[in-house]
Amino acid sequence: MDDIFLRYIPLPVTIKGLTVEDKSGNYNIYLNTRLSYEANVETLQHEIQHITNNDFNSGSHIKNIEKE
């Protein structure tokens, strides 16, 4: 499906956000409610870049993807 669902949840402050691809091919972006609006906008842009770059199907480890 490749739809994107934006969700706000409380996460530890060390985690700005994350994206999970579900079995239907949709992306669920989770943003941290404990962070500022500005931080969430920046994180959303970062997570969308992962989707755009097709990082979920790259086969690379997340640590290597984040370094790039």
PDB file of N, CA and C in Angstrom:
ATOM      1  N   MET A   1       0.823  -1.205   0.000  1.00  0.00           N
ATOM      2  CA  MET A   1       0.000   0.000   0.000  1.00  0.00           C
ATOM      3  C   MET A   1       0.861   1.261   0.000  1.00  0.00           C
ATOM      4  N   ASP A   2       1.947   1.275   0.753  1.00  0.00           N
ATOM      5  CA  ASP A   2       2.851   2.425   0.827  1.00  0.00           C
ATOM      6  C   ASP A   2       2.194   3.690   1.386  1.00  0.00           C
ATOM      7  N   ASP A   3       1.224   3.530   2.246  1.00  0.00           N
ATOM      8  CA  ASP A   3       0.652   4.674   2.947  1.00  0.00           C
ATOM      9  C   ASP A   3       1.520   4.990   4.152  1.00  0.00           C
ATOM     10  N   ILE A   4       1.439   6.235   4.607  1.00  0.00           N
ATOM     11  CA  ILE A   4       2.192   6.663   5.788  1.00  0.00           C
ATOM     12  C   ILE A   4       1.196   7.089   6.859  1.00  0.00           C
ATOM     13  N   PHE A   5       1.359   6.517   8.044  1.00  0.00           N
ATOM     14  CA  PHE A   5       0.524   6.865   9.182  1.00  0.00           C
ATOM     15  C   PHE A   5       1.399   7.512  10.239  1.00  0.00           C
ATOM     16  N   LEU A   6       1.020   8.688  10.664  1.00  0.00           N
ATOM     17  CA  LEU A   6       1.772   9.441  11.656  1.00  0.00           C
ATOM     18  C   LEU A   6       1.127   9.234  13.014  1.00  0.00           C
ATOM     19  N   ARG A   7       1.941   8.834  13.972  1.00  0.00           N
ATOM     20  CA  ARG A   7       1.442   8.546  15.317  1.00  0.00           C
ATOM     21  C   ARG A   7       2.319   9.240  16.348  1.00  0.00           C
ATOM     22  N   TYR A   8       1.690   9.757  17.366  1.00  0.00           N
ATOM     23  CA  TYR A   8       2.404  10.421  18.455  1.00  0.00           C
ATOM     24  C   TYR A   8       2.282   9.571  19.713  1.00  0.00           C
ATOM     25  N   ILE A   9       3.432   9.207  20.275  1.00  0.00           N
ATOM     26  CA  ILE A   9       3.438   8.409  21.492  1.00  0.00           C
ATOM     27  C   ILE A   9       4.562   8.895  22.402  1.00  0.00           C
ATOM     28  N   PRO A  10       4.421   8.699  23.713  1.00  0.00           N
ATOM     29  CA  PRO A  10       5.533   9.042  24.605  1.00  0.00           C
ATOM     30  C   PRO A  10       6.631   7.988  24.488  1.00  0.00           C
ATOM     31  N   LEU A  11       7.817   8.448  24.202  1.00  0.00           N
ATOM     32  CA  LEU A  11       8.988   7.581  24.089  1.00  0.00           C
ATOM     33  C   LEU A  11      10.052   8.104  25.048  1.00  0.00           C
ATOM     34  N   PRO A  12      11.065   7.315  25.354  1.00  0.00           N
ATOM     35  CA  PRO A  12      12.177   7.860  26.137  1.00  0.00           C
ATOM     36  C   PRO A  12      12.758   9.078  25.396  1.00  0.00           C
ATOM     37  N   VAL A  13      13.213  10.075  26.121  1.00  0.00           N
ATOM     38  CA  VAL A  13      13.685  11.301  25.474  1.00  0.00           C
ATOM     39  C   VAL A  13      14.885  11.070  24.557  1.00  0.00           C
ATOM     40  N   THR A  14      15.561   9.956  24.713  1.00  0.00           N
ATOM     41  CA  THR A  14      16.694   9.645  23.843  1.00  0.00           C
ATOM     42  C   THR A  14      16.253   9.131  22.476  1.00  0.00           C
ATOM     43  N   ILE A  15      14.966   8.820  22.321  1.00  0.00           N
ATOM     44  CA  ILE A  15      14.432   8.341  21.043  1.00  0.00           C
ATOM     45  C   ILE A  15      13.524   9.420  20.478  1.00  0.00           C
ATOM     46  N   LYS A  16      13.957  10.031  19.383  1.00  0.00           N
ATOM     47  CA  LYS A  16      13.171  11.105  18.777  1.00  0.00           C
ATOM     48  C   LYS A  16      11.972  10.557  18.019  1.00  0.00           C
ATOM     49  N   GLY A  17      12.167   9.419  17.376  1.00  0.00           N
ATOM     50  CA  GLY A  17      11.094   8.826  16.599  1.00  0.00           C
ATOM     51  C   GLY A  17      11.589   7.576  15.907  1.00  0.00           C
ATOM     52  N   LEU A  18      10.673   6.886  15.266  1.00  0.00           N
ATOM     53  CA  LEU A  18      11.034   5.683  14.528  1.00  0.00           C
ATOM     54  C   LEU A  18       9.945   5.373  13.523  1.00  0.00           C
ATOM     55  N   THR A  19      10.321   4.584  12.545  1.00  0.00           N
ATOM     56  CA  THR A  19       9.372   4.171  11.517  1.00  0.00           C
ATOM     57  C   THR A  19       9.353   2.658  11.443  1.00  0.00           C
ATOM     58  N   VAL A  20       8.163   2.108  11.331  1.00  0.00           N
ATOM     59  CA  VAL A  20       7.981   0.665  11.221  1.00  0.00           C
ATOM     60  C   VAL A  20       7.152   0.400   9.968  1.00  0.00           C
ATOM     61  N   GLU A  21       7.667  -0.484   9.122  1.00  0.00           N
ATOM     62  CA  GLU A  21       6.897  -0.911   7.964  1.00  0.00           C
ATOM     63  C   GLU A  21       6.073  -2.123   8.367  1.00  0.00           C
ATOM     64  N   ASP A  22       4.764  -2.070   8.131  1.00  0.00           N
ATOM     65  CA  ASP A  22       3.922  -3.205   8.517  1.00  0.00           C
ATOM     66  C   ASP A  22       3.821  -4.213   7.374  1.00  0.00           C
ATOM     67  N   LYS A  23       3.144  -5.319   7.630  1.00  0.00           N
ATOM     68  CA  LYS A  23       3.082  -6.406   6.645  1.00  0.00           C
ATOM     69  C   LYS A  23       2.306  -6.031   5.385  1.00  0.00           C
ATOM     70  N   SER A  24       1.535  -4.950   5.450  1.00  0.00           N
ATOM     71  CA  SER A  24       0.804  -4.489   4.268  1.00  0.00           C
ATOM     72  C   SER A  24       1.628  -3.533   3.416  1.00  0.00           C
ATOM     73  N   GLY A  25       2.828  -3.199   3.882  1.00  0.00           N
ATOM     74  CA  GLY A  25       3.680  -2.268   3.152  1.00  0.00           C
ATOM     75  C   GLY A  25       3.449  -0.813   3.509  1.00  0.00           C
ATOM     76  N   ASN A  26       2.680  -0.574   4.555  1.00  0.00           N
ATOM     77  CA  ASN A  26       2.451   0.786   5.039  1.00  0.00           C
ATOM     78  C   ASN A  26       3.540   1.157   6.037  1.00  0.00           C
ATOM     79  N   TYR A  27       3.787   2.456   6.158  1.00  0.00           N
ATOM     80  CA  TYR A  27       4.790   2.950   7.095  1.00  0.00           C
ATOM     81  C   TYR A  27       4.102   3.661   8.251  1.00  0.00           C
ATOM     82  N   ASN A  28       4.483   3.291   9.451  1.00  0.00           N
ATOM     83  CA  ASN A  28       3.975   3.917  10.663  1.00  0.00           C
ATOM     84  C   ASN A  28       5.118   4.708  11.273  1.00  0.00           C
ATOM     85  N   ILE A  29       4.979   6.042  11.256  1.00  0.00           N
ATOM     86  CA  ILE A  29       6.001   6.910  11.834  1.00  0.00           C
ATOM     87  C   ILE A  29       5.536   7.294  13.229  1.00  0.00           C
ATOM     88  N   TYR A  30       6.368   6.990  14.205  1.00  0.00           N
ATOM     89  CA  TYR A  30       6.077   7.304  15.600  1.00  0.00           C
ATOM     90  C   TYR A  30       6.956   8.464  16.024  1.00  0.00           C
ATOM     91  N   LEU A  31       6.325   9.540  16.497  1.00  0.00           N
ATOM     92  CA  LEU A  31       7.045  10.706  16.992  1.00  0.00           C
ATOM     93  C   LEU A  31       6.848  10.828  18.492  1.00  0.00           C
ATOM     94  N   ASN A  32       7.865  11.344  19.144  1.00  0.00           N
ATOM     95  CA  ASN A  32       7.882  11.411  20.601  1.00  0.00           C
ATOM     96  C   ASN A  32       7.118  12.632  21.116  1.00  0.00           C
ATOM     97  N   THR A  33       6.069  12.392  21.861  1.00  0.00           N
ATOM     98  CA  THR A  33       5.260  13.479  22.419  1.00  0.00           C
ATOM     99  C   THR A  33       6.014  14.282  23.483  1.00  0.00           C
ATOM    100  N   ARG A  34       7.128  13.768  23.956  1.00  0.00           N
ATOM    101  CA  ARG A  34       7.906  14.466  24.988  1.00  0.00           C
ATOM    102  C   ARG A  34       8.847  15.516  24.400  1.00  0.00           C
ATOM    103  N   LEU A  35       8.889  15.585  23.078  1.00  0.00           N
ATOM    104  CA  LEU A  35       9.779  16.539  22.428  1.00  0.00           C
ATOM    105  C   LEU A  35       8.991  17.707  21.845  1.00  0.00           C
ATOM    106  N   SER A  36       9.702  18.759  21.498  1.00  0.00           N
ATOM    107  CA  SER A  36       9.066  19.972  20.983  1.00  0.00           C
ATOM    108  C   SER A  36       8.507  19.752  19.577  1.00  0.00           C
ATOM    109  N   TYR A  37       7.661  20.661  19.187  1.00  0.00           N
ATOM    110  CA  TYR A  37       7.106  20.649  17.827  1.00  0.00           C
ATOM    111  C   TYR A  37       8.237  20.683  16.799  1.00  0.00           C
ATOM    112  N   GLU A  38       9.204  21.560  17.027  1.00  0.00           N
ATOM    113  CA  GLU A  38      10.326  21.702  16.105  1.00  0.00           C
ATOM    114  C   GLU A  38      11.128  20.406  15.988  1.00  0.00           C
ATOM    115  N   ALA A  39      11.368  19.752  17.118  1.00  0.00           N
ATOM    116  CA  ALA A  39      12.095  18.477  17.105  1.00  0.00           C
ATOM    117  C   ALA A  39      11.302  17.420  16.350  1.00  0.00           C
ATOM    118  N   ASN A  40       9.988  17.423  16.513  1.00  0.00           N
ATOM    119  CA  ASN A  40       9.158  16.441  15.811  1.00  0.00           C
ATOM    120  C   ASN A  40       9.120  16.701  14.307  1.00  0.00           C
ATOM    121  N   VAL A  41       9.129  17.965  13.901  1.00  0.00           N
ATOM    122  CA  VAL A  41       9.174  18.282  12.465  1.00  0.00           C
ATOM    123  C   VAL A  41      10.477  17.773  11.867  1.00  0.00           C
ATOM    124  N   GLU A  42      11.586  18.020  12.556  1.00  0.00           N
ATOM    125  CA  GLU A  42      12.892  17.549  12.093  1.00  0.00           C
ATOM    126  C   GLU A  42      12.930  16.016  12.020  1.00  0.00           C
ATOM    127  N   THR A  43      12.392  15.376  13.031  1.00  0.00           N
ATOM    128  CA  THR A  43      12.366  13.910  13.062  1.00  0.00           C
ATOM    129  C   THR A  43      11.484  13.359  11.957  1.00  0.00           C
ATOM    130  N   LEU A  44      10.341  13.976  11.726  1.00  0.00           N
ATOM    131  CA  LEU A  44       9.448  13.543  10.655  1.00  0.00           C
ATOM    132  C   LEU A  44      10.164  13.611   9.310  1.00  0.00           C
ATOM    133  N   GLN A  45      10.875  14.693   9.049  1.00  0.00           N
ATOM    134  CA  GLN A  45      11.626  14.825   7.799  1.00  0.00           C
ATOM    135  C   GLN A  45      12.676  13.722   7.683  1.00  0.00           C
ATOM    136  N   HIS A  46      13.339  13.431   8.788  1.00  0.00           N
ATOM    137  CA  HIS A  46      14.352  12.374   8.814  1.00  0.00           C
ATOM    138  C   HIS A  46      13.732  11.015   8.494  1.00  0.00           C
ATOM    139  N   GLU A  47      12.608  10.718   9.110  1.00  0.00           N
ATOM    140  CA  GLU A  47      11.957   9.424   8.900  1.00  0.00           C
ATOM    141  C   GLU A  47      11.413   9.299   7.482  1.00  0.00           C
ATOM    142  N   ILE A  48      10.887  10.370   6.933  1.00  0.00           N
ATOM    143  CA  ILE A  48      10.399  10.338   5.548  1.00  0.00           C
ATOM    144  C   ILE A  48      11.561  10.095   4.592  1.00  0.00           C
ATOM    145  N   GLN A  49      12.738  10.626   4.923  1.00  0.00           N
ATOM    146  CA  GLN A  49      13.918  10.381   4.098  1.00  0.00           C
ATOM    147  C   GLN A  49      14.257   8.890   4.069  1.00  0.00           C
ATOM    148  N   HIS A  50      14.102   8.201   5.194  1.00  0.00           N
ATOM    149  CA  HIS A  50      14.319   6.746   5.220  1.00  0.00           C
ATOM    150  C   HIS A  50      13.364   6.042   4.251  1.00  0.00           C
ATOM    151  N   ILE A  51      12.120   6.477   4.235  1.00  0.00           N
ATOM    152  CA  ILE A  51      11.126   5.879   3.339  1.00  0.00           C
ATOM    153  C   ILE A  51      11.500   6.175   1.890  1.00  0.00           C
ATOM    154  N   THR A  52      11.825   7.425   1.606  1.00  0.00           N
ATOM    155  CA  THR A  52      12.189   7.844   0.252  1.00  0.00           C
ATOM    156  C   THR A  52      13.414   7.095  -0.256  1.00  0.00           C
ATOM    157  N   ASN A  53      14.379   6.860   0.631  1.00  0.00           N
ATOM    158  CA  ASN A  53      15.609   6.164   0.250  1.00  0.00           C
ATOM    159  C   ASN A  53      15.442   4.647   0.184  1.00  0.00           C
ATOM    160  N   ASN A  54      14.250   4.157   0.505  1.00  0.00           N
ATOM    161  CA  ASN A  54      13.966   2.718   0.507  1.00  0.00           C
ATOM    162  C   ASN A  54      14.894   1.964   1.471  1.00  0.00           C
ATOM    163  N   ASP A  55      15.217   2.594   2.595  1.00  0.00           N
ATOM    164  CA  ASP A  55      16.122   2.009   3.577  1.00  0.00           C
ATOM    165  C   ASP A  55      15.604   0.703   4.172  1.00  0.00           C
ATOM    166  N   PHE A  56      14.309   0.501   4.179  1.00  0.00           N
ATOM    167  CA  PHE A  56      13.732  -0.681   4.807  1.00  0.00           C
ATOM    168  C   PHE A  56      14.007  -1.944   4.004  1.00  0.00           C
ATOM    169  N   ASN A  57      14.359  -1.755   2.750  1.00  0.00           N
ATOM    170  CA  ASN A  57      14.636  -2.900   1.884  1.00  0.00           C
ATOM    171  C   ASN A  57      16.085  -2.930   1.412  1.00  0.00           C
ATOM    172  N   SER A  58      16.934  -2.128   2.040  1.00  0.00           N
ATOM    173  CA  SER A  58      18.322  -2.027   1.588  1.00  0.00           C
ATOM    174  C   SER A  58      19.189  -3.191   2.045  1.00  0.00           C
ATOM    175  N   GLY A  59      18.798  -3.863   3.119  1.00  0.00           N
ATOM    176  CA  GLY A  59      19.611  -4.946   3.653  1.00  0.00           C
ATOM    177  C   GLY A  59      20.720  -4.468   4.564  1.00  0.00           C
ATOM    178  N   SER A  60      20.879  -3.148   4.685  1.00  0.00           N
ATOM    179  CA  SER A  60      21.920  -2.584   5.558  1.00  0.00           C
ATOM    180  C   SER A  60      21.424  -2.540   7.007  1.00  0.00           C
ATOM    181  N   HIS A  61      22.360  -2.632   7.928  1.00  0.00           N
ATOM    182  CA  HIS A  61      22.033  -2.512   9.349  1.00  0.00           C
ATOM    183  C   HIS A  61      21.667  -1.056   9.646  1.00  0.00           C
ATOM    184  N   ILE A  62      20.725  -0.855  10.546  1.00  0.00           N
ATOM    185  CA  ILE A  62      20.252   0.487  10.888  1.00  0.00           C
ATOM    186  C   ILE A  62      21.394   1.409  11.325  1.00  0.00           C
ATOM    187  N   LYS A  63      22.382   0.869  12.013  1.00  0.00           N
ATOM    188  CA  LYS A  63      23.517   1.702  12.437  1.00  0.00           C
ATOM    189  C   LYS A  63      24.259   2.269  11.228  1.00  0.00           C
ATOM    190  N   ASN A  64      24.411   1.472  10.186  1.00  0.00           N
ATOM    191  CA  ASN A  64      25.075   1.945   8.979  1.00  0.00           C
ATOM    192  C   ASN A  64      24.205   2.958   8.224  1.00  0.00           C
ATOM    193  N   ILE A  65      22.916   2.718   8.198  1.00  0.00           N
ATOM    194  CA  ILE A  65      22.001   3.648   7.521  1.00  0.00           C
ATOM    195  C   ILE A  65      22.039   5.003   8.223  1.00  0.00           C
ATOM    196  N   GLU A  66      22.012   5.003   9.544  1.00  0.00           N
ATOM    197  CA  GLU A  66      22.017   6.260  10.296  1.00  0.00           C
ATOM    198  C   GLU A  66      23.328   7.026  10.140  1.00  0.00           C
ATOM    199  N   LYS A  67      24.434   6.325   9.894  1.00  0.00           N
ATOM    200  CA  LYS A  67      25.713   6.995   9.688  1.00  0.00           C
ATOM    201  C   LYS A  67      25.738   7.773   8.378  1.00  0.00           C
ATOM    202  N   GLU A  68      24.989   7.278   7.394  1.00  0.00           N
ATOM    203  CA  GLU A  68      24.971   7.923   6.066  1.00  0.00           C
ATOM    204  C   GLU A  68      24.175   9.148   6.124  1.00  0.00           C
TER     205      GLU A  68
END
